[in-house]
Amino acid sequence: MRTELVSEPGDPGRPNEDFASVALPASGQGGALVVLDGVTPPSDGGGCLHSVPWFTARLGGALTELTVSLPDVPPAGLLSRGIARTAESHASTCDLSHPRTPQATVVMARWSPDSVECLVLSDSVLLVESPDGTVTAVRDDRLDRLPRSALSSHTVVDTTLRNKEGGFFTAAADPAVSSRAVTVSLPRDRVRALTALTDGASRWVERFGEGDWGDCVGVIREEGARGLVRRGGALERFGEGDWGDCVGVIREEGARGLVRRVRALERGRLLGGKRHDDATVVHVELPSA
C-alpha cells in the first residue's frame, strides 16, 4: 500500500483549517483515511472561544481513532460519536447553538480485506478508482443544487440553509447530522485507489474545469498530490501577475495555454467563493485484493 498526503494553506499568513490523516490498525488488516475542511468563521467568532483548527484537530483526531478502534461501527455511527465527543469538550464554554459554531466538511474511508466503506458530508470529494481505471466521485451535492442567488450572503445562508432541511449540512455540534452524510460500501476487490480532496484541491476540476475526475487522479499519479495542489494554485494566482507573467505563460504553455488559463479564471469568478483556499489531498493506493 502507498499513501500520499499534502495539505497547504490558501494564505500563508493564515492557519490551515483543513485536517488529514491516514491510520493503519495494529492488526495490519485494512486502514482508514479522514479529511476535514474547516469552515472559516465569521468575524464575531461564531459564539466559540476556539479556533477552527482547534475544532478540526479535535474532530479529526476523534474520527481517526474511532475508525480503527471500532471496526464494526458503520462510518455514520463513527461520525455521530466523533461529533458528540468534540461537542462535549467545549459545551461548557461555548455557544454550540450558534449557526457558525466551528464546523467542517467530512470525508472518511475505511478498508478491510472484504470491503471499502465511504462517507462524505458537504462539499469535499472522495474519488474511488476501480481496477480497470474508472474513477467515480462520491459527493454530497446539496450545495451544488442550491441556486447561486440563495448563497448571496452569510446571513442568508446561516439563517435559512446551513444545517437546515432543504439546505446543506456540515459536522458542527449535532451528532444527528451524521444521518445526512452520503455513504457507500463497495467490495474490496472493486477498489484500486482512494483519493480524498477538500474543495481547495478539487477546484482544479469543479471550479476551473481543467479535466475530469479521471484526469485528476492521473495528475496525482504522474506528478504527486503536490502537483495537483500546485496546478490549482497557479490557476488561482493567474490574473494577479503582470504582462511579463503573461508572456511567461505563453512561452511555457503556448498561446493556447494562456487562453485556457483565462477561461478557467473566468469560470472560477462566475462560481464565486474564496479566491484562495486551503488545499488538501490524501491519496491511497490499496494493495491488490
C-alpha atoms as a PDB file:
ATOM      1  CA  MET A   1       0.000   0.000   0.000  1.00  0.00           C
ATOM      2  CA  ARG A   2       1.213   3.506  -0.829  1.00  0.00           C
ATOM      3  CA  THR A   3      -0.143   6.689   0.725  1.00  0.00           C
ATOM      4  CA  GLU A   4       0.465  10.356  -0.019  1.00  0.00           C
ATOM      5  CA  LEU A   5      -0.794  13.336   1.954  1.00  0.00           C
ATOM      6  CA  VAL A   6      -0.407  17.020   1.092  1.00  0.00           C
ATOM      7  CA  SER A   7      -2.093  19.969   2.815  1.00  0.00           C
ATOM      8  CA  GLU A   8      -1.271  23.600   2.088  1.00  0.00           C
ATOM      9  CA  PRO A   9      -2.890  26.814   3.355  1.00  0.00           C
ATOM     10  CA  GLY A  10      -4.591  29.068   0.845  1.00  0.00           C
ATOM     11  CA  ASP A  11      -2.981  32.080   2.507  1.00  0.00           C
ATOM     12  CA  PRO A  12       0.480  31.656   4.098  1.00  0.00           C
ATOM     13  CA  GLY A  13      -0.485  34.345   6.602  1.00  0.00           C
ATOM     14  CA  ARG A  14      -3.429  32.337   7.969  1.00  0.00           C
ATOM     15  CA  PRO A  15      -3.519  28.934   9.674  1.00  0.00           C
ATOM     16  CA  ASN A  16      -4.563  25.948   7.615  1.00  0.00           C
ATOM     17  CA  GLU A  17      -8.102  24.936   8.660  1.00  0.00           C
ATOM     18  CA  ASP A  18      -8.019  21.509   6.963  1.00  0.00           C
ATOM     19  CA  PHE A  19      -7.242  18.227   8.713  1.00  0.00           C
ATOM     20  CA  ALA A  20      -5.989  14.999   7.166  1.00  0.00           C
ATOM     21  CA  SER A  21      -4.890  11.610   8.448  1.00  0.00           C
ATOM     22  CA  VAL A  22      -4.270   8.038   7.377  1.00  0.00           C
ATOM     23  CA  ALA A  23      -4.498   5.296  10.002  1.00  0.00           C
ATOM     24  CA  LEU A  24      -3.437   1.651   9.936  1.00  0.00           C
ATOM     25  CA  PRO A  25      -4.735  -0.614  12.716  1.00  0.00           C
ATOM     26  CA  ALA A  26      -2.222  -2.588  14.774  1.00  0.00           C
ATOM     27  CA  SER A  27      -3.558  -5.806  13.232  1.00  0.00           C
ATOM     28  CA  GLY A  28      -2.202  -4.701   9.873  1.00  0.00           C
ATOM     29  CA  GLN A  29      -5.556  -5.508   8.285  1.00  0.00           C
ATOM     30  CA  GLY A  30      -7.015  -2.599   6.343  1.00  0.00           C
ATOM     31  CA  GLY A  31      -6.824   1.089   7.184  1.00  0.00           C
ATOM     32  CA  ALA A  32      -8.672   4.397   7.095  1.00  0.00           C
ATOM     33  CA  LEU A  33      -8.401   7.988   5.950  1.00  0.00           C
ATOM     34  CA  VAL A  34     -10.048  11.125   7.337  1.00  0.00           C
ATOM     35  CA  VAL A  35     -10.139  14.563   5.691  1.00  0.00           C
ATOM     36  CA  LEU A  36     -11.900  17.629   7.093  1.00  0.00           C
ATOM     37  CA  ASP A  37     -12.250  21.100   5.609  1.00  0.00           C
ATOM     38  CA  GLY A  38     -12.899  23.602   8.388  1.00  0.00           C
ATOM     39  CA  VAL A  39     -15.457  26.319   7.671  1.00  0.00           C
ATOM     40  CA  THR A  40     -13.916  29.775   8.090  1.00  0.00           C
ATOM     41  CA  PRO A  41     -15.766  31.558  10.922  1.00  0.00           C
ATOM     42  CA  PRO A  42     -17.434  34.988  10.765  1.00  0.00           C
ATOM     43  CA  SER A  43     -15.705  37.995  12.283  1.00  0.00           C
ATOM     44  CA  ASP A  44     -17.616  37.627  15.558  1.00  0.00           C
ATOM     45  CA  GLY A  45     -16.129  34.168  16.132  1.00  0.00           C
ATOM     46  CA  GLY A  46     -19.370  32.205  15.852  1.00  0.00           C
ATOM     47  CA  GLY A  47     -20.025  32.049  19.592  1.00  0.00           C
ATOM     48  CA  CYS A  48     -16.987  29.848  20.271  1.00  0.00           C
ATOM     49  CA  LEU A  49     -13.769  30.545  22.163  1.00  0.00           C
ATOM     50  CA  HIS A  50     -11.845  28.097  19.993  1.00  0.00           C
ATOM     51  CA  SER A  51     -10.361  28.353  16.525  1.00  0.00           C
ATOM     52  CA  VAL A  52     -11.394  26.299  13.523  1.00  0.00           C
ATOM     53  CA  PRO A  53      -8.016  24.477  13.520  1.00  0.00           C
ATOM     54  CA  TRP A  54      -8.682  23.505  17.159  1.00  0.00           C
ATOM     55  CA  PHE A  55     -12.051  22.089  16.138  1.00  0.00           C
ATOM     56  CA  THR A  56     -10.820  20.185  13.079  1.00  0.00           C
ATOM     57  CA  ALA A  57      -7.928  18.733  15.092  1.00  0.00           C
ATOM     58  CA  ARG A  58     -10.340  17.553  17.818  1.00  0.00           C
ATOM     59  CA  LEU A  59     -12.934  16.109  15.458  1.00  0.00           C
ATOM     60  CA  GLY A  60     -10.369  14.729  13.011  1.00  0.00           C
ATOM     61  CA  GLY A  61      -8.391  13.124  15.809  1.00  0.00           C
ATOM     62  CA  ALA A  62     -11.522  11.529  17.248  1.00  0.00           C
ATOM     63  CA  LEU A  63     -12.598  10.149  13.870  1.00  0.00           C
ATOM     64  CA  THR A  64      -9.131   8.796  13.145  1.00  0.00           C
ATOM     65  CA  GLU A  65      -9.106   6.872  16.408  1.00  0.00           C
ATOM     66  CA  LEU A  66     -12.682   5.667  16.069  1.00  0.00           C
ATOM     67  CA  THR A  67     -12.286   4.361  12.500  1.00  0.00           C
ATOM     68  CA  VAL A  68      -9.641   1.869  13.575  1.00  0.00           C
ATOM     69  CA  SER A  69     -10.769   1.112  17.147  1.00  0.00           C
ATOM     70  CA  LEU A  70     -14.415   0.384  16.279  1.00  0.00           C
ATOM     71  CA  PRO A  71     -14.266  -1.655  13.063  1.00  0.00           C
ATOM     72  CA  ASP A  72     -17.833  -2.936  13.445  1.00  0.00           C
ATOM     73  CA  VAL A  73     -19.436   0.529  13.697  1.00  0.00           C
ATOM     74  CA  PRO A  74     -20.527   1.990  10.318  1.00  0.00           C
ATOM     75  CA  PRO A  75     -18.981   5.317   9.237  1.00  0.00           C
ATOM     76  CA  ALA A  76     -22.147   7.318  10.007  1.00  0.00           C
ATOM     77  CA  GLY A  77     -22.116   5.954  13.547  1.00  0.00           C
ATOM     78  CA  LEU A  78     -18.450   6.884  13.903  1.00  0.00           C
ATOM     79  CA  LEU A  79     -19.184  10.420  12.712  1.00  0.00           C
ATOM     80  CA  SER A  80     -22.001  10.731  15.230  1.00  0.00           C
ATOM     81  CA  ARG A  81     -19.703   9.622  18.058  1.00  0.00           C
ATOM     82  CA  GLY A  82     -16.901  11.917  16.920  1.00  0.00           C
ATOM     83  CA  ILE A  83     -19.184  14.962  16.768  1.00  0.00           C
ATOM     84  CA  ALA A  84     -20.627  14.173  20.207  1.00  0.00           C
ATOM     85  CA  ARG A  85     -17.161  13.759  21.734  1.00  0.00           C
ATOM     86  CA  THR A  86     -15.937  17.020  20.235  1.00  0.00           C
ATOM     87  CA  ALA A  87     -19.058  18.974  21.259  1.00  0.00           C
ATOM     88  CA  GLU A  88     -18.732  17.723  24.838  1.00  0.00           C
ATOM     89  CA  SER A  89     -15.188  19.062  25.021  1.00  0.00           C
ATOM     90  CA  HIS A  90     -16.344  22.694  24.685  1.00  0.00           C
ATOM     91  CA  ALA A  91     -20.053  22.707  25.502  1.00  0.00           C
ATOM     92  CA  SER A  92     -19.433  24.334  28.899  1.00  0.00           C
ATOM     93  CA  THR A  93     -17.525  27.293  27.458  1.00  0.00           C
ATOM     94  CA  CYS A  94     -19.072  27.956  24.041  1.00  0.00           C
ATOM     95  CA  ASP A  95     -22.444  28.594  22.404  1.00  0.00           C
ATOM     96  CA  LEU A  96     -22.830  25.455  20.312  1.00  0.00           C
ATOM     97  CA  SER A  97     -26.274  26.576  19.130  1.00  0.00           C
ATOM     98  CA  HIS A  98     -24.738  29.417  17.101  1.00  0.00           C
ATOM     99  CA  PRO A  99     -25.158  28.617  13.361  1.00  0.00           C
ATOM    100  CA  ARG A 100     -21.445  29.295  12.819  1.00  0.00           C
ATOM    101  CA  THR A 101     -20.103  27.339  15.753  1.00  0.00           C
ATOM    102  CA  PRO A 102     -16.927  25.639  14.454  1.00  0.00           C
ATOM    103  CA  GLN A 103     -17.771  23.077  11.783  1.00  0.00           C
ATOM    104  CA  ALA A 104     -16.275  21.186   8.887  1.00  0.00           C
ATOM    105  CA  THR A 105     -16.921  19.111   5.802  1.00  0.00           C
ATOM    106  CA  VAL A 106     -16.047  15.436   6.218  1.00  0.00           C
ATOM    107  CA  VAL A 107     -14.590  12.654   4.086  1.00  0.00           C
ATOM    108  CA  MET A 108     -13.971   9.242   5.624  1.00  0.00           C
ATOM    109  CA  ALA A 109     -12.985   5.933   4.075  1.00  0.00           C
ATOM    110  CA  ARG A 110     -12.185   2.637   5.761  1.00  0.00           C
ATOM    111  CA  TRP A 111     -10.990  -0.503   4.035  1.00  0.00           C
ATOM    112  CA  SER A 112     -10.660  -4.097   5.159  1.00  0.00           C
ATOM    113  CA  PRO A 113      -9.825  -7.308   3.285  1.00  0.00           C
ATOM    114  CA  ASP A 114     -13.517  -7.575   2.387  1.00  0.00           C
ATOM    115  CA  SER A 115     -14.927  -4.080   1.856  1.00  0.00           C
ATOM    116  CA  VAL A 116     -14.382  -0.336   1.428  1.00  0.00           C
ATOM    117  CA  GLU A 117     -16.731   1.976   3.344  1.00  0.00           C
ATOM    118  CA  CYS A 118     -17.048   5.612   2.276  1.00  0.00           C
ATOM    119  CA  LEU A 119     -18.687   8.694   3.817  1.00  0.00           C
ATOM    120  CA  VAL A 120     -18.907  12.269   2.534  1.00  0.00           C
ATOM    121  CA  LEU A 121     -20.629  15.231   4.174  1.00  0.00           C
ATOM    122  CA  SER A 122     -20.775  18.604   2.369  1.00  0.00           C
ATOM    123  CA  ASP A 123     -18.544  19.708  -0.491  1.00  0.00           C
ATOM    124  CA  SER A 124     -15.320  17.741  -0.115  1.00  0.00           C
ATOM    125  CA  VAL A 125     -14.922  14.788  -2.501  1.00  0.00           C
ATOM    126  CA  LEU A 126     -13.842  11.146  -2.346  1.00  0.00           C
ATOM    127  CA  LEU A 127     -12.642   9.570  -5.605  1.00  0.00           C
ATOM    128  CA  VAL A 128     -12.831   5.802  -5.933  1.00  0.00           C
ATOM    129  CA  GLU A 129     -10.750   4.187  -8.670  1.00  0.00           C
ATOM    130  CA  SER A 130     -11.663   0.695  -9.825  1.00  0.00           C
ATOM    131  CA  PRO A 131      -9.132  -1.885 -11.070  1.00  0.00           C
ATOM    132  CA  ASP A 132      -9.980  -1.011 -14.700  1.00  0.00           C
ATOM    133  CA  GLY A 133      -9.114   2.665 -14.096  1.00  0.00           C
ATOM    134  CA  THR A 134     -12.676   4.006 -13.911  1.00  0.00           C
ATOM    135  CA  VAL A 135     -12.907   6.850 -11.385  1.00  0.00           C
ATOM    136  CA  THR A 136     -16.168   7.536  -9.547  1.00  0.00           C
ATOM    137  CA  ALA A 137     -16.729  10.578  -7.335  1.00  0.00           C
ATOM    138  CA  VAL A 138     -18.577  10.100  -4.051  1.00  0.00           C
ATOM    139  CA  ARG A 139     -20.082  13.530  -3.437  1.00  0.00           C
ATOM    140  CA  ASP A 140     -22.662  15.292  -1.318  1.00  0.00           C
ATOM    141  CA  ASP A 141     -24.088  17.662  -3.949  1.00  0.00           C
ATOM    142  CA  ARG A 142     -26.586  19.596  -1.812  1.00  0.00           C
ATOM    143  CA  LEU A 143     -24.641  22.853  -2.205  1.00  0.00           C
ATOM    144  CA  ASP A 144     -24.469  22.372  -5.970  1.00  0.00           C
ATOM    145  CA  ARG A 145     -28.246  22.055  -6.169  1.00  0.00           C
ATOM    146  CA  LEU A 146     -28.834  25.420  -4.491  1.00  0.00           C
ATOM    147  CA  PRO A 147     -29.277  28.470  -6.768  1.00  0.00           C
ATOM    148  CA  ARG A 148     -26.385  30.929  -6.575  1.00  0.00           C
ATOM    149  CA  SER A 149     -28.851  33.626  -5.504  1.00  0.00           C
ATOM    150  CA  ALA A 150     -29.596  31.638  -2.341  1.00  0.00           C
ATOM    151  CA  LEU A 151     -25.930  31.981  -1.332  1.00  0.00           C
ATOM    152  CA  SER A 152     -25.879  35.764  -1.680  1.00  0.00           C
ATOM    153  CA  SER A 153     -24.741  36.492   1.894  1.00  0.00           C
ATOM    154  CA  HIS A 154     -23.509  34.723   5.023  1.00  0.00           C
ATOM    155  CA  THR A 155     -26.577  35.941   6.898  1.00  0.00           C
ATOM    156  CA  VAL A 156     -28.994  34.388   4.403  1.00  0.00           C
ATOM    157  CA  VAL A 157     -27.046  31.134   4.307  1.00  0.00           C
ATOM    158  CA  ASP A 158     -26.776  30.870   8.093  1.00  0.00           C
ATOM    159  CA  THR A 159     -30.434  31.605   8.782  1.00  0.00           C
ATOM    160  CA  THR A 160     -32.056  29.579   6.001  1.00  0.00           C
ATOM    161  CA  LEU A 161     -29.671  26.928   4.637  1.00  0.00           C
ATOM    162  CA  ARG A 162     -26.800  25.922   6.913  1.00  0.00           C
ATOM    163  CA  ASN A 163     -27.619  22.638   8.639  1.00  0.00           C
ATOM    164  CA  LYS A 164     -31.274  23.033   7.719  1.00  0.00           C
ATOM    165  CA  GLU A 165     -33.719  20.934   5.726  1.00  0.00           C
ATOM    166  CA  GLY A 166     -33.614  21.972   2.078  1.00  0.00           C
ATOM    167  CA  GLY A 167     -30.115  23.407   2.508  1.00  0.00           C
ATOM    168  CA  PHE A 168     -26.820  21.678   3.249  1.00  0.00           C
ATOM    169  CA  PHE A 169     -25.164  20.038   6.229  1.00  0.00           C
ATOM    170  CA  THR A 170     -21.754  20.145   7.914  1.00  0.00           C
ATOM    171  CA  ALA A 171     -20.295  18.492  11.008  1.00  0.00           C
ATOM    172  CA  ALA A 172     -20.737  21.011  13.815  1.00  0.00           C
ATOM    173  CA  ALA A 173     -22.206  20.128  17.234  1.00  0.00           C
ATOM    174  CA  ASP A 174     -25.243  17.974  16.417  1.00  0.00           C
ATOM    175  CA  PRO A 175     -24.433  14.247  16.149  1.00  0.00           C
ATOM    176  CA  ALA A 176     -27.703  13.668  14.244  1.00  0.00           C
ATOM    177  CA  VAL A 177     -26.194  15.344  11.169  1.00  0.00           C
ATOM    178  CA  SER A 178     -24.356  12.074  10.550  1.00  0.00           C
ATOM    179  CA  SER A 179     -27.579  10.679   9.095  1.00  0.00           C
ATOM    180  CA  ARG A 180     -27.322  13.291   6.319  1.00  0.00           C
ATOM    181  CA  ALA A 181     -23.974  12.051   5.069  1.00  0.00           C
ATOM    182  CA  VAL A 182     -23.623  10.241   1.747  1.00  0.00           C
ATOM    183  CA  THR A 183     -22.405   6.687   2.397  1.00  0.00           C
ATOM    184  CA  VAL A 184     -21.259   3.949   0.024  1.00  0.00           C
ATOM    185  CA  SER A 185     -19.971   0.428   0.677  1.00  0.00           C
ATOM    186  CA  LEU A 186     -18.075  -1.498  -2.000  1.00  0.00           C
ATOM    187  CA  PRO A 187     -16.429  -4.905  -2.237  1.00  0.00           C
ATOM    188  CA  ARG A 188     -12.708  -4.559  -1.608  1.00  0.00           C
ATOM    189  CA  ASP A 189     -11.769  -6.123  -4.958  1.00  0.00           C
ATOM    190  CA  ARG A 190     -13.604  -3.326  -6.802  1.00  0.00           C
ATOM    191  CA  VAL A 191     -11.315  -0.585  -5.451  1.00  0.00           C
ATOM    192  CA  ARG A 192      -7.731   0.078  -6.515  1.00  0.00           C
ATOM    193  CA  ALA A 193      -7.207   3.564  -5.085  1.00  0.00           C
ATOM    194  CA  LEU A 194      -8.910   6.236  -2.974  1.00  0.00           C
ATOM    195  CA  THR A 195      -8.366   9.990  -3.189  1.00  0.00           C
ATOM    196  CA  ALA A 196      -9.880  12.496  -0.751  1.00  0.00           C
ATOM    197  CA  LEU A 197      -9.936  16.181  -1.724  1.00  0.00           C
ATOM    198  CA  THR A 198     -11.040  19.323   0.053  1.00  0.00           C
ATOM    199  CA  ASP A 199     -12.594  21.901  -2.251  1.00  0.00           C
ATOM    200  CA  GLY A 200      -9.332  23.831  -2.391  1.00  0.00           C
ATOM    201  CA  ALA A 201      -7.898  20.858  -4.297  1.00  0.00           C
ATOM    202  CA  SER A 202     -10.999  19.653  -6.147  1.00  0.00           C
ATOM    203  CA  ARG A 203     -11.430  23.100  -7.724  1.00  0.00           C
ATOM    204  CA  TRP A 204      -8.957  22.039 -10.438  1.00  0.00           C
ATOM    205  CA  VAL A 205     -11.945  20.047 -11.746  1.00  0.00           C
ATOM    206  CA  GLU A 206     -15.013  21.703 -10.246  1.00  0.00           C
ATOM    207  CA  ARG A 207     -14.069  25.377 -10.428  1.00  0.00           C
ATOM    208  CA  PHE A 208     -11.531  25.639 -13.234  1.00  0.00           C
ATOM    209  CA  GLY A 209     -12.710  22.767 -15.430  1.00  0.00           C
ATOM    210  CA  GLU A 210      -9.174  21.648 -16.300  1.00  0.00           C
ATOM    211  CA  GLY A 211     -10.177  17.993 -16.553  1.00  0.00           C
ATOM    212  CA  ASP A 212     -12.486  15.340 -15.171  1.00  0.00           C
ATOM    213  CA  TRP A 213     -12.043  13.171 -12.071  1.00  0.00           C
ATOM    214  CA  GLY A 214     -10.059  10.584 -14.022  1.00  0.00           C
ATOM    215  CA  ASP A 215      -7.699  13.318 -15.199  1.00  0.00           C
ATOM    216  CA  CYS A 216      -7.399  14.494 -11.596  1.00  0.00           C
ATOM    217  CA  VAL A 217      -6.253  11.066 -10.403  1.00  0.00           C
ATOM    218  CA  GLY A 218      -3.914  10.913 -13.412  1.00  0.00           C
ATOM    219  CA  VAL A 219      -2.227  14.168 -12.358  1.00  0.00           C
ATOM    220  CA  ILE A 220      -1.758  12.833  -8.821  1.00  0.00           C
ATOM    221  CA  ARG A 221      -0.285   9.570 -10.107  1.00  0.00           C
ATOM    222  CA  GLU A 222       2.100  11.352 -12.517  1.00  0.00           C
ATOM    223  CA  GLU A 223       3.005  14.487 -10.541  1.00  0.00           C
ATOM    224  CA  GLY A 224       2.044  13.580  -6.989  1.00  0.00           C
ATOM    225  CA  ALA A 225      -0.572  15.169  -4.761  1.00  0.00           C
ATOM    226  CA  ARG A 226       1.551  18.297  -4.538  1.00  0.00           C
ATOM    227  CA  GLY A 227       1.419  18.558  -8.317  1.00  0.00           C
ATOM    228  CA  LEU A 228      -2.375  18.807  -8.243  1.00  0.00           C
ATOM    229  CA  VAL A 229      -2.263  21.421  -5.472  1.00  0.00           C
ATOM    230  CA  ARG A 230       0.409  23.348  -7.371  1.00  0.00           C
ATOM    231  CA  ARG A 231      -1.701  23.329 -10.551  1.00  0.00           C
ATOM    232  CA  GLY A 232      -4.731  24.663  -8.711  1.00  0.00           C
ATOM    233  CA  GLY A 233      -2.645  27.329  -7.000  1.00  0.00           C
ATOM    234  CA  ALA A 234      -1.238  28.509 -10.327  1.00  0.00           C
ATOM    235  CA  LEU A 235      -4.765  28.954 -11.671  1.00  0.00           C
ATOM    236  CA  GLU A 236      -5.830  30.835  -8.528  1.00  0.00           C
ATOM    237  CA  ARG A 237      -2.880  33.207  -8.819  1.00  0.00           C
ATOM    238  CA  PHE A 238      -3.295  33.787 -12.548  1.00  0.00           C
ATOM    239  CA  GLY A 239      -4.621  37.296 -13.098  1.00  0.00           C
ATOM    240  CA  GLU A 240      -2.620  38.705 -10.200  1.00  0.00           C
ATOM    241  CA  GLY A 241       0.579  38.982 -12.234  1.00  0.00           C
ATOM    242  CA  ASP A 242       1.873  41.471 -14.776  1.00  0.00           C
ATOM    243  CA  TRP A 243       2.430  41.381 -18.536  1.00  0.00           C
ATOM    244  CA  GLY A 244       5.744  39.638 -18.006  1.00  0.00           C
ATOM    245  CA  ASP A 245       3.933  36.769 -16.312  1.00  0.00           C
ATOM    246  CA  CYS A 246       1.547  36.656 -19.273  1.00  0.00           C
ATOM    247  CA  VAL A 247       4.432  36.278 -21.702  1.00  0.00           C
ATOM    248  CA  GLY A 248       5.940  33.637 -19.409  1.00  0.00           C
ATOM    249  CA  VAL A 249       2.756  31.545 -19.647  1.00  0.00           C
ATOM    250  CA  ILE A 250       2.803  31.790 -23.438  1.00  0.00           C
ATOM    251  CA  ARG A 251       6.458  30.755 -23.519  1.00  0.00           C
ATOM    252  CA  GLU A 252       5.881  27.748 -21.254  1.00  0.00           C
ATOM    253  CA  GLU A 253       2.410  26.636 -22.361  1.00  0.00           C
ATOM    254  CA  GLY A 254       1.845  28.338 -25.700  1.00  0.00           C
ATOM    255  CA  ALA A 255      -0.870  30.800 -26.697  1.00  0.00           C
ATOM    256  CA  ARG A 256      -3.493  28.093 -26.263  1.00  0.00           C
ATOM    257  CA  GLY A 257      -2.298  27.645 -22.678  1.00  0.00           C
ATOM    258  CA  LEU A 258      -2.869  31.330 -21.995  1.00  0.00           C
ATOM    259  CA  VAL A 259      -6.390  31.174 -23.430  1.00  0.00           C
ATOM    260  CA  ARG A 260      -7.122  28.075 -21.330  1.00  0.00           C
ATOM    261  CA  ARG A 261      -5.982  29.837 -18.172  1.00  0.00           C
ATOM    262  CA  VAL A 262      -8.098  32.907 -18.914  1.00  0.00           C
ATOM    263  CA  ARG A 263     -11.191  30.775 -19.459  1.00  0.00           C
ATOM    264  CA  ALA A 264     -10.516  28.825 -16.275  1.00  0.00           C
ATOM    265  CA  LEU A 265     -10.197  32.082 -14.353  1.00  0.00           C
ATOM    266  CA  GLU A 266     -13.483  33.322 -15.807  1.00  0.00           C
ATOM    267  CA  ARG A 267     -15.245  30.100 -14.770  1.00  0.00           C
ATOM    268  CA  GLY A 268     -13.880  30.460 -11.263  1.00  0.00           C
ATOM    269  CA  ARG A 269     -15.090  34.032 -10.945  1.00  0.00           C
ATOM    270  CA  LEU A 270     -18.564  33.093 -12.152  1.00  0.00           C
ATOM    271  CA  LEU A 271     -18.798  30.400  -9.469  1.00  0.00           C
ATOM    272  CA  GLY A 272     -17.760  32.822  -6.727  1.00  0.00           C
ATOM    273  CA  GLY A 273     -16.402  31.638  -3.382  1.00  0.00           C
ATOM    274  CA  LYS A 274     -12.903  32.076  -1.984  1.00  0.00           C
ATOM    275  CA  ARG A 275     -10.190  33.149  -4.414  1.00  0.00           C
ATOM    276  CA  HIS A 276      -7.590  31.181  -2.430  1.00  0.00           C
ATOM    277  CA  ASP A 277      -8.471  28.211  -0.238  1.00  0.00           C
ATOM    278  CA  ASP A 278      -6.671  25.604   1.852  1.00  0.00           C
ATOM    279  CA  ALA A 279      -5.997  22.563  -0.315  1.00  0.00           C
ATOM    280  CA  THR A 280      -5.664  19.010   0.990  1.00  0.00           C
ATOM    281  CA  VAL A 281      -5.167  15.738  -0.899  1.00  0.00           C
ATOM    282  CA  VAL A 282      -4.929  12.245   0.571  1.00  0.00           C
ATOM    283  CA  HIS A 283      -4.192   9.514  -1.978  1.00  0.00           C
ATOM    284  CA  VAL A 284      -4.085   5.832  -1.081  1.00  0.00           C
ATOM    285  CA  GLU A 285      -3.075   3.073  -3.495  1.00  0.00           C
ATOM    286  CA  LEU A 286      -4.519  -0.102  -1.994  1.00  0.00           C
ATOM    287  CA  PRO A 287      -2.669  -3.421  -2.279  1.00  0.00           C
ATOM    288  CA  SER A 288      -4.028  -5.969  -4.700  1.00  0.00           C
ATOM    289  CA  ALA A 289      -7.059  -7.702  -3.237  1.00  0.00           C
END
